[in-house]
Amino acid sequence: MNEVIQTINQIAEGIKPLSIAVAGIALVVIGLLWMFAKDPQKKEMYTGWFVNVAIGFAIVWLGASIVTWLGTKTVGFSG
């Protein structure tokens, strides 16, 4: 059981840096698209994308943090 919990924790810890990189790249690209957009409707669309990426990043980060935290609270976990 400890091996399973350690594996899950390693996956959760590996997702955190990856999510930062993916969200950062997405936010930079969306920011550039927003800056060069001339149509107000497109600017509004890019603003929505920005918010969705930020929310998605928060959900992934929080989920990985909860998994890591629960792994340390599991009975019998020695790791």
PDB file of N, CA and C in Angstrom:
ATOM      1  N   MET A   1       0.821  -1.195   0.000  1.00  0.00           N
ATOM      2  CA  MET A   1       0.000   0.000   0.000  1.00  0.00           C
ATOM      3  C   MET A   1       0.867   1.262   0.000  1.00  0.00           C
ATOM      4  N   ASN A   2       1.973   1.201   0.744  1.00  0.00           N
ATOM      5  CA  ASN A   2       2.856   2.371   0.786  1.00  0.00           C
ATOM      6  C   ASN A   2       3.434   2.694  -0.586  1.00  0.00           C
ATOM      7  N   GLU A   3       3.722   1.655  -1.374  1.00  0.00           N
ATOM      8  CA  GLU A   3       4.272   1.886  -2.708  1.00  0.00           C
ATOM      9  C   GLU A   3       3.255   2.585  -3.599  1.00  0.00           C
ATOM     10  N   VAL A   4       1.990   2.200  -3.469  1.00  0.00           N
ATOM     11  CA  VAL A   4       0.932   2.827  -4.265  1.00  0.00           C
ATOM     12  C   VAL A   4       0.792   4.296  -3.883  1.00  0.00           C
ATOM     13  N   ILE A   5       0.789   4.562  -2.597  1.00  0.00           N
ATOM     14  CA  ILE A   5       0.654   5.945  -2.125  1.00  0.00           C
ATOM     15  C   ILE A   5       1.853   6.775  -2.567  1.00  0.00           C
ATOM     16  N   GLN A   6       3.052   6.213  -2.486  1.00  0.00           N
ATOM     17  CA  GLN A   6       4.242   6.939  -2.920  1.00  0.00           C
ATOM     18  C   GLN A   6       4.202   7.219  -4.413  1.00  0.00           C
ATOM     19  N   THR A   7       3.726   6.262  -5.198  1.00  0.00           N
ATOM     20  CA  THR A   7       3.611   6.467  -6.645  1.00  0.00           C
ATOM     21  C   THR A   7       2.621   7.578  -6.959  1.00  0.00           C
ATOM     22  N   ILE A   8       1.481   7.564  -6.289  1.00  0.00           N
ATOM     23  CA  ILE A   8       0.475   8.613  -6.504  1.00  0.00           C
ATOM     24  C   ILE A   8       1.033   9.973  -6.106  1.00  0.00           C
ATOM     25  N   ASN A   9       1.748  10.031  -4.997  1.00  0.00           N
ATOM     26  CA  ASN A   9       2.358  11.297  -4.571  1.00  0.00           C
ATOM     27  C   ASN A   9       3.402  11.781  -5.570  1.00  0.00           C
ATOM     28  N   GLN A  10       4.184  10.875  -6.128  1.00  0.00           N
ATOM     29  CA  GLN A  10       5.190  11.265  -7.115  1.00  0.00           C
ATOM     30  C   GLN A  10       4.532  11.816  -8.371  1.00  0.00           C
ATOM     31  N   ILE A  11       3.436  11.206  -8.786  1.00  0.00           N
ATOM     32  CA  ILE A  11       2.710  11.711  -9.956  1.00  0.00           C
ATOM     33  C   ILE A  11       2.150  13.096  -9.667  1.00  0.00           C
ATOM     34  N   ALA A  12       1.561  13.256  -8.486  1.00  0.00           N
ATOM     35  CA  ALA A  12       0.991  14.557  -8.120  1.00  0.00           C
ATOM     36  C   ALA A  12       2.071  15.632  -8.051  1.00  0.00           C
ATOM     37  N   GLU A  13       3.223  15.288  -7.499  1.00  0.00           N
ATOM     38  CA  GLU A  13       4.317  16.260  -7.421  1.00  0.00           C
ATOM     39  C   GLU A  13       4.898  16.558  -8.800  1.00  0.00           C
ATOM     40  N   GLY A  14       4.853  15.596  -9.703  1.00  0.00           N
ATOM     41  CA  GLY A  14       5.346  15.812 -11.064  1.00  0.00           C
ATOM     42  C   GLY A  14       4.419  16.676 -11.897  1.00  0.00           C
ATOM     43  N   ILE A  15       3.139  16.657 -11.573  1.00  0.00           N
ATOM     44  CA  ILE A  15       2.162  17.447 -12.322  1.00  0.00           C
ATOM     45  C   ILE A  15       2.302  18.935 -12.013  1.00  0.00           C
ATOM     46  N   LYS A  16       2.672  19.271 -10.790  1.00  0.00           N
ATOM     47  CA  LYS A  16       2.740  20.684 -10.394  1.00  0.00           C
ATOM     48  C   LYS A  16       3.673  21.506 -11.288  1.00  0.00           C
ATOM     49  N   PRO A  17       4.941  21.130 -11.471  1.00  0.00           N
ATOM     50  CA  PRO A  17       5.810  21.943 -12.335  1.00  0.00           C
ATOM     51  C   PRO A  17       5.351  21.951 -13.789  1.00  0.00           C
ATOM     52  N   LEU A  18       4.817  20.834 -14.245  1.00  0.00           N
ATOM     53  CA  LEU A  18       4.324  20.755 -15.614  1.00  0.00           C
ATOM     54  C   LEU A  18       3.141  21.696 -15.820  1.00  0.00           C
ATOM     55  N   SER A  19       2.255  21.757 -14.833  1.00  0.00           N
ATOM     56  CA  SER A  19       1.092  22.643 -14.966  1.00  0.00           C
ATOM     57  C   SER A  19       1.509  24.107 -14.978  1.00  0.00           C
ATOM     58  N   ILE A  20       2.538  24.454 -14.229  1.00  0.00           N
ATOM     59  CA  ILE A  20       3.034  25.834 -14.241  1.00  0.00           C
ATOM     60  C   ILE A  20       3.552  26.188 -15.627  1.00  0.00           C
ATOM     61  N   ALA A  21       4.321  25.292 -16.220  1.00  0.00           N
ATOM     62  CA  ALA A  21       4.893  25.565 -17.544  1.00  0.00           C
ATOM     63  C   ALA A  21       3.811  25.680 -18.612  1.00  0.00           C
ATOM     64  N   VAL A  22       2.878  24.748 -18.619  1.00  0.00           N
ATOM     65  CA  VAL A  22       1.820  24.765 -19.637  1.00  0.00           C
ATOM     66  C   VAL A  22       0.933  25.994 -19.475  1.00  0.00           C
ATOM     67  N   ALA A  23       0.540  26.295 -18.247  1.00  0.00           N
ATOM     68  CA  ALA A  23      -0.303  27.471 -18.014  1.00  0.00           C
ATOM     69  C   ALA A  23       0.452  28.749 -18.361  1.00  0.00           C
ATOM     70  N   GLY A  24       1.731  28.816 -18.026  1.00  0.00           N
ATOM     71  CA  GLY A  24       2.519  30.002 -18.348  1.00  0.00           C
ATOM     72  C   GLY A  24       2.623  30.242 -19.840  1.00  0.00           C
ATOM     73  N   ILE A  25       2.907  29.189 -20.585  1.00  0.00           N
ATOM     74  CA  ILE A  25       2.993  29.322 -22.045  1.00  0.00           C
ATOM     75  C   ILE A  25       1.649  29.731 -22.625  1.00  0.00           C
ATOM     76  N   ALA A  26       0.579  29.095 -22.148  1.00  0.00           N
ATOM     77  CA  ALA A  26      -0.758  29.434 -22.647  1.00  0.00           C
ATOM     78  C   ALA A  26      -1.103  30.886 -22.341  1.00  0.00           C
ATOM     79  N   LEU A  27      -0.773  31.351 -21.145  1.00  0.00           N
ATOM     80  CA  LEU A  27      -1.092  32.733 -20.779  1.00  0.00           C
ATOM     81  C   LEU A  27      -0.282  33.734 -21.596  1.00  0.00           C
ATOM     82  N   VAL A  28       0.966  33.421 -21.890  1.00  0.00           N
ATOM     83  CA  VAL A  28       1.779  34.313 -22.726  1.00  0.00           C
ATOM     84  C   VAL A  28       1.203  34.392 -24.136  1.00  0.00           C
ATOM     85  N   VAL A  29       0.848  33.247 -24.700  1.00  0.00           N
ATOM     86  CA  VAL A  29       0.280  33.232 -26.055  1.00  0.00           C
ATOM     87  C   VAL A  29      -1.048  33.984 -26.089  1.00  0.00           C
ATOM     88  N   ILE A  30      -1.902  33.734 -25.113  1.00  0.00           N
ATOM     89  CA  ILE A  30      -3.191  34.436 -25.065  1.00  0.00           C
ATOM     90  C   ILE A  30      -2.974  35.932 -24.872  1.00  0.00           C
ATOM     91  N   GLY A  31      -2.007  36.298 -24.052  1.00  0.00           N
ATOM     92  CA  GLY A  31      -1.702  37.718 -23.862  1.00  0.00           C
ATOM     93  C   GLY A  31      -1.245  38.384 -25.147  1.00  0.00           C
ATOM     94  N   LEU A  32      -0.404  37.698 -25.906  1.00  0.00           N
ATOM     95  CA  LEU A  32       0.040  38.248 -27.191  1.00  0.00           C
ATOM     96  C   LEU A  32      -1.125  38.365 -28.167  1.00  0.00           C
ATOM     97  N   LEU A  33      -1.972  37.350 -28.225  1.00  0.00           N
ATOM     98  CA  LEU A  33      -3.146  37.414 -29.091  1.00  0.00           C
ATOM     99  C   LEU A  33      -4.043  38.586 -28.694  1.00  0.00           C
ATOM    100  N   TRP A  34      -4.220  38.775 -27.395  1.00  0.00           N
ATOM    101  CA  TRP A  34      -5.062  39.867 -26.903  1.00  0.00           C
ATOM    102  C   TRP A  34      -4.464  41.229 -27.275  1.00  0.00           C
ATOM    103  N   MET A  35      -3.135  41.357 -27.128  1.00  0.00           N
ATOM    104  CA  MET A  35      -2.490  42.640 -27.430  1.00  0.00           C
ATOM    105  C   MET A  35      -2.603  43.010 -28.901  1.00  0.00           C
ATOM    106  N   PHE A  36      -2.512  42.031 -29.782  1.00  0.00           N
ATOM    107  CA  PHE A  36      -2.526  42.320 -31.210  1.00  0.00           C
ATOM    108  C   PHE A  36      -3.917  42.245 -31.834  1.00  0.00           C
ATOM    109  N   ALA A  37      -4.919  41.903 -31.053  1.00  0.00           N
ATOM    110  CA  ALA A  37      -6.288  41.836 -31.577  1.00  0.00           C
ATOM    111  C   ALA A  37      -6.842  43.250 -31.727  1.00  0.00           C
ATOM    112  N   LYS A  38      -7.455  43.513 -32.854  1.00  0.00           N
ATOM    113  CA  LYS A  38      -8.038  44.828 -33.094  1.00  0.00           C
ATOM    114  C   LYS A  38      -9.550  44.820 -32.863  1.00  0.00           C
ATOM    115  N   ASP A  39     -10.156  43.675 -33.038  1.00  0.00           N
ATOM    116  CA  ASP A  39     -11.598  43.546 -32.878  1.00  0.00           C
ATOM    117  C   ASP A  39     -11.945  43.424 -31.386  1.00  0.00           C
ATOM    118  N   PRO A  40     -12.832  44.279 -30.873  1.00  0.00           N
ATOM    119  CA  PRO A  40     -13.203  44.185 -29.449  1.00  0.00           C
ATOM    120  C   PRO A  40     -13.824  42.831 -29.078  1.00  0.00           C
ATOM    121  N   GLN A  41     -14.500  42.211 -30.030  1.00  0.00           N
ATOM    122  CA  GLN A  41     -15.106  40.909 -29.756  1.00  0.00           C
ATOM    123  C   GLN A  41     -14.018  39.844 -29.542  1.00  0.00           C
ATOM    124  N   LYS A  42     -12.946  39.925 -30.314  1.00  0.00           N
ATOM    125  CA  LYS A  42     -11.838  38.976 -30.128  1.00  0.00           C
ATOM    126  C   LYS A  42     -11.134  39.235 -28.797  1.00  0.00           C
ATOM    127  N   LYS A  43     -10.977  40.507 -28.425  1.00  0.00           N
ATOM    128  CA  LYS A  43     -10.355  40.812 -27.135  1.00  0.00           C
ATOM    129  C   LYS A  43     -11.177  40.221 -25.997  1.00  0.00           C
ATOM    130  N   GLU A  44     -12.487  40.308 -26.110  1.00  0.00           N
ATOM    131  CA  GLU A  44     -13.365  39.726 -25.095  1.00  0.00           C
ATOM    132  C   GLU A  44     -13.207  38.203 -25.057  1.00  0.00           C
ATOM    133  N   MET A  45     -13.087  37.580 -26.225  1.00  0.00           N
ATOM    134  CA  MET A  45     -12.906  36.132 -26.306  1.00  0.00           C
ATOM    135  C   MET A  45     -11.586  35.724 -25.646  1.00  0.00           C
ATOM    136  N   TYR A  46     -10.519  36.467 -25.925  1.00  0.00           N
ATOM    137  CA  TYR A  46      -9.220  36.146 -25.336  1.00  0.00           C
ATOM    138  C   TYR A  46      -9.225  36.357 -23.825  1.00  0.00           C
ATOM    139  N   THR A  47      -9.981  37.333 -23.361  1.00  0.00           N
ATOM    140  CA  THR A  47     -10.109  37.538 -21.918  1.00  0.00           C
ATOM    141  C   THR A  47     -10.765  36.316 -21.278  1.00  0.00           C
ATOM    142  N   GLY A  48     -11.783  35.780 -21.926  1.00  0.00           N
ATOM    143  CA  GLY A  48     -12.425  34.564 -21.431  1.00  0.00           C
ATOM    144  C   GLY A  48     -11.464  33.389 -21.407  1.00  0.00           C
ATOM    145  N   TRP A  49     -10.646  33.263 -22.437  1.00  0.00           N
ATOM    146  CA  TRP A  49      -9.643  32.198 -22.469  1.00  0.00           C
ATOM    147  C   TRP A  49      -8.676  32.332 -21.299  1.00  0.00           C
ATOM    148  N   PHE A  50      -8.243  33.574 -21.044  1.00  0.00           N
ATOM    149  CA  PHE A  50      -7.311  33.834 -19.948  1.00  0.00           C
ATOM    150  C   PHE A  50      -7.900  33.365 -18.624  1.00  0.00           C
ATOM    151  N   VAL A  51      -9.145  33.722 -18.390  1.00  0.00           N
ATOM    152  CA  VAL A  51      -9.809  33.330 -17.145  1.00  0.00           C
ATOM    153  C   VAL A  51      -9.927  31.806 -17.061  1.00  0.00           C
ATOM    154  N   ASN A  52     -10.281  31.164 -18.166  1.00  0.00           N
ATOM    155  CA  ASN A  52     -10.416  29.703 -18.168  1.00  0.00           C
ATOM    156  C   ASN A  52      -9.086  29.005 -17.900  1.00  0.00           C
ATOM    157  N   VAL A  53      -8.003  29.519 -18.458  1.00  0.00           N
ATOM    158  CA  VAL A  53      -6.680  28.928 -18.198  1.00  0.00           C
ATOM    159  C   VAL A  53      -6.314  29.105 -16.729  1.00  0.00           C
ATOM    160  N   ALA A  54      -6.572  30.287 -16.180  1.00  0.00           N
ATOM    161  CA  ALA A  54      -6.258  30.533 -14.769  1.00  0.00           C
ATOM    162  C   ALA A  54      -7.068  29.605 -13.859  1.00  0.00           C
ATOM    163  N   ILE A  55      -8.340  29.433 -14.152  1.00  0.00           N
ATOM    164  CA  ILE A  55      -9.181  28.541 -13.351  1.00  0.00           C
ATOM    165  C   ILE A  55      -8.706  27.093 -13.496  1.00  0.00           C
ATOM    166  N   GLY A  56      -8.404  26.671 -14.706  1.00  0.00           N
ATOM    167  CA  GLY A  56      -7.914  25.311 -14.929  1.00  0.00           C
ATOM    168  C   GLY A  56      -6.609  25.046 -14.199  1.00  0.00           C
ATOM    169  N   PHE A  57      -5.698  26.018 -14.233  1.00  0.00           N
ATOM    170  CA  PHE A  57      -4.436  25.880 -13.514  1.00  0.00           C
ATOM    171  C   PHE A  57      -4.691  25.739 -12.016  1.00  0.00           C
ATOM    172  N   ALA A  58      -5.590  26.568 -11.485  1.00  0.00           N
ATOM    173  CA  ALA A  58      -5.897  26.509 -10.054  1.00  0.00           C
ATOM    174  C   ALA A  58      -6.485  25.152  -9.672  1.00  0.00           C
ATOM    175  N   ILE A  59      -7.354  24.610 -10.514  1.00  0.00           N
ATOM    176  CA  ILE A  59      -7.965  23.308 -10.228  1.00  0.00           C
ATOM    177  C   ILE A  59      -6.905  22.204 -10.232  1.00  0.00           C
ATOM    178  N   VAL A  60      -6.023  22.212 -11.221  1.00  0.00           N
ATOM    179  CA  VAL A  60      -4.973  21.183 -11.299  1.00  0.00           C
ATOM    180  C   VAL A  60      -4.028  21.295 -10.112  1.00  0.00           C
ATOM    181  N   TRP A  61      -3.603  22.510  -9.783  1.00  0.00           N
ATOM    182  CA  TRP A  61      -2.672  22.723  -8.666  1.00  0.00           C
ATOM    183  C   TRP A  61      -3.312  22.300  -7.344  1.00  0.00           C
ATOM    184  N   LEU A  62      -4.572  22.698  -7.136  1.00  0.00           N
ATOM    185  CA  LEU A  62      -5.266  22.341  -5.904  1.00  0.00           C
ATOM    186  C   LEU A  62      -5.467  20.829  -5.812  1.00  0.00           C
ATOM    187  N   GLY A  63      -5.834  20.205  -6.915  1.00  0.00           N
ATOM    188  CA  GLY A  63      -6.013  18.749  -6.913  1.00  0.00           C
ATOM    189  C   GLY A  63      -4.732  18.016  -6.565  1.00  0.00           C
ATOM    190  N   ALA A  64      -3.627  18.429  -7.160  1.00  0.00           N
ATOM    191  CA  ALA A  64      -2.337  17.793  -6.861  1.00  0.00           C
ATOM    192  C   ALA A  64      -1.935  18.030  -5.409  1.00  0.00           C
ATOM    193  N   SER A  65      -2.213  19.212  -4.898  1.00  0.00           N
ATOM    194  CA  SER A  65      -1.883  19.514  -3.500  1.00  0.00           C
ATOM    195  C   SER A  65      -2.725  18.682  -2.538  1.00  0.00           C
ATOM    196  N   ILE A  66      -4.002  18.511  -2.857  1.00  0.00           N
ATOM    197  CA  ILE A  66      -4.876  17.701  -2.003  1.00  0.00           C
ATOM    198  C   ILE A  66      -4.420  16.243  -2.008  1.00  0.00           C
ATOM    199  N   VAL A  67      -4.057  15.722  -3.174  1.00  0.00           N
ATOM    200  CA  VAL A  67      -3.578  14.335  -3.257  1.00  0.00           C
ATOM    201  C   VAL A  67      -2.315  14.167  -2.423  1.00  0.00           C
ATOM    202  N   THR A  68      -1.399  15.108  -2.517  1.00  0.00           N
ATOM    203  CA  THR A  68      -0.164  15.038  -1.733  1.00  0.00           C
ATOM    204  C   THR A  68      -0.468  15.107  -0.242  1.00  0.00           C
ATOM    205  N   TRP A  69      -1.349  16.008   0.141  1.00  0.00           N
ATOM    206  CA  TRP A  69      -1.701  16.163   1.552  1.00  0.00           C
ATOM    207  C   TRP A  69      -2.376  14.903   2.082  1.00  0.00           C
ATOM    208  N   LEU A  70      -3.318  14.345   1.316  1.00  0.00           N
ATOM    209  CA  LEU A  70      -4.000  13.129   1.760  1.00  0.00           C
ATOM    210  C   LEU A  70      -3.035  11.953   1.853  1.00  0.00           C
ATOM    211  N   GLY A  71      -2.034  11.926   0.993  1.00  0.00           N
ATOM    212  CA  GLY A  71      -1.038  10.860   1.055  1.00  0.00           C
ATOM    213  C   GLY A  71      -0.257  10.871   2.351  1.00  0.00           C
ATOM    214  N   THR A  72      -0.047  12.048   2.910  1.00  0.00           N
ATOM    215  CA  THR A  72       0.673  12.131   4.186  1.00  0.00           C
ATOM    216  C   THR A  72      -0.237  11.817   5.365  1.00  0.00           C
ATOM    217  N   LYS A  73      -1.543  11.888   5.174  1.00  0.00           N
ATOM    218  CA  LYS A  73      -2.489  11.631   6.259  1.00  0.00           C
ATOM    219  C   LYS A  73      -2.992  10.191   6.278  1.00  0.00           C
ATOM    220  N   THR A  74      -2.606   9.394   5.300  1.00  0.00           N
ATOM    221  CA  THR A  74      -3.073   8.014   5.216  1.00  0.00           C
ATOM    222  C   THR A  74      -2.457   7.187   6.338  1.00  0.00           C
ATOM    223  N   VAL A  75      -3.273   6.373   6.972  1.00  0.00           N
ATOM    224  CA  VAL A  75      -2.810   5.535   8.077  1.00  0.00           C
ATOM    225  C   VAL A  75      -1.782   4.534   7.556  1.00  0.00           C
ATOM    226  N   GLY A  76      -0.670   4.446   8.247  1.00  0.00           N
ATOM    227  CA  GLY A  76       0.359   3.496   7.873  1.00  0.00           C
ATOM    228  C   GLY A  76       1.353   4.015   6.858  1.00  0.00           C
ATOM    229  N   PHE A  77       1.196   5.257   6.422  1.00  0.00           N
ATOM    230  CA  PHE A  77       2.127   5.815   5.443  1.00  0.00           C
ATOM    231  C   PHE A  77       3.416   6.189   6.147  1.00  0.00           C
ATOM    232  N   SER A  78       4.532   5.686   5.650  1.00  0.00           N
ATOM    233  CA  SER A  78       5.809   5.927   6.318  1.00  0.00           C
ATOM    234  C   SER A  78       6.708   6.868   5.547  1.00  0.00           C
ATOM    235  N   GLY A  79       6.234   7.397   4.419  1.00  0.00           N
ATOM    236  CA  GLY A  79       7.126   8.048   3.568  1.00  0.00           C
ATOM    237  C   GLY A  79       7.337   9.404   3.402  1.00  0.00           C
TER     238      GLY A  79
END
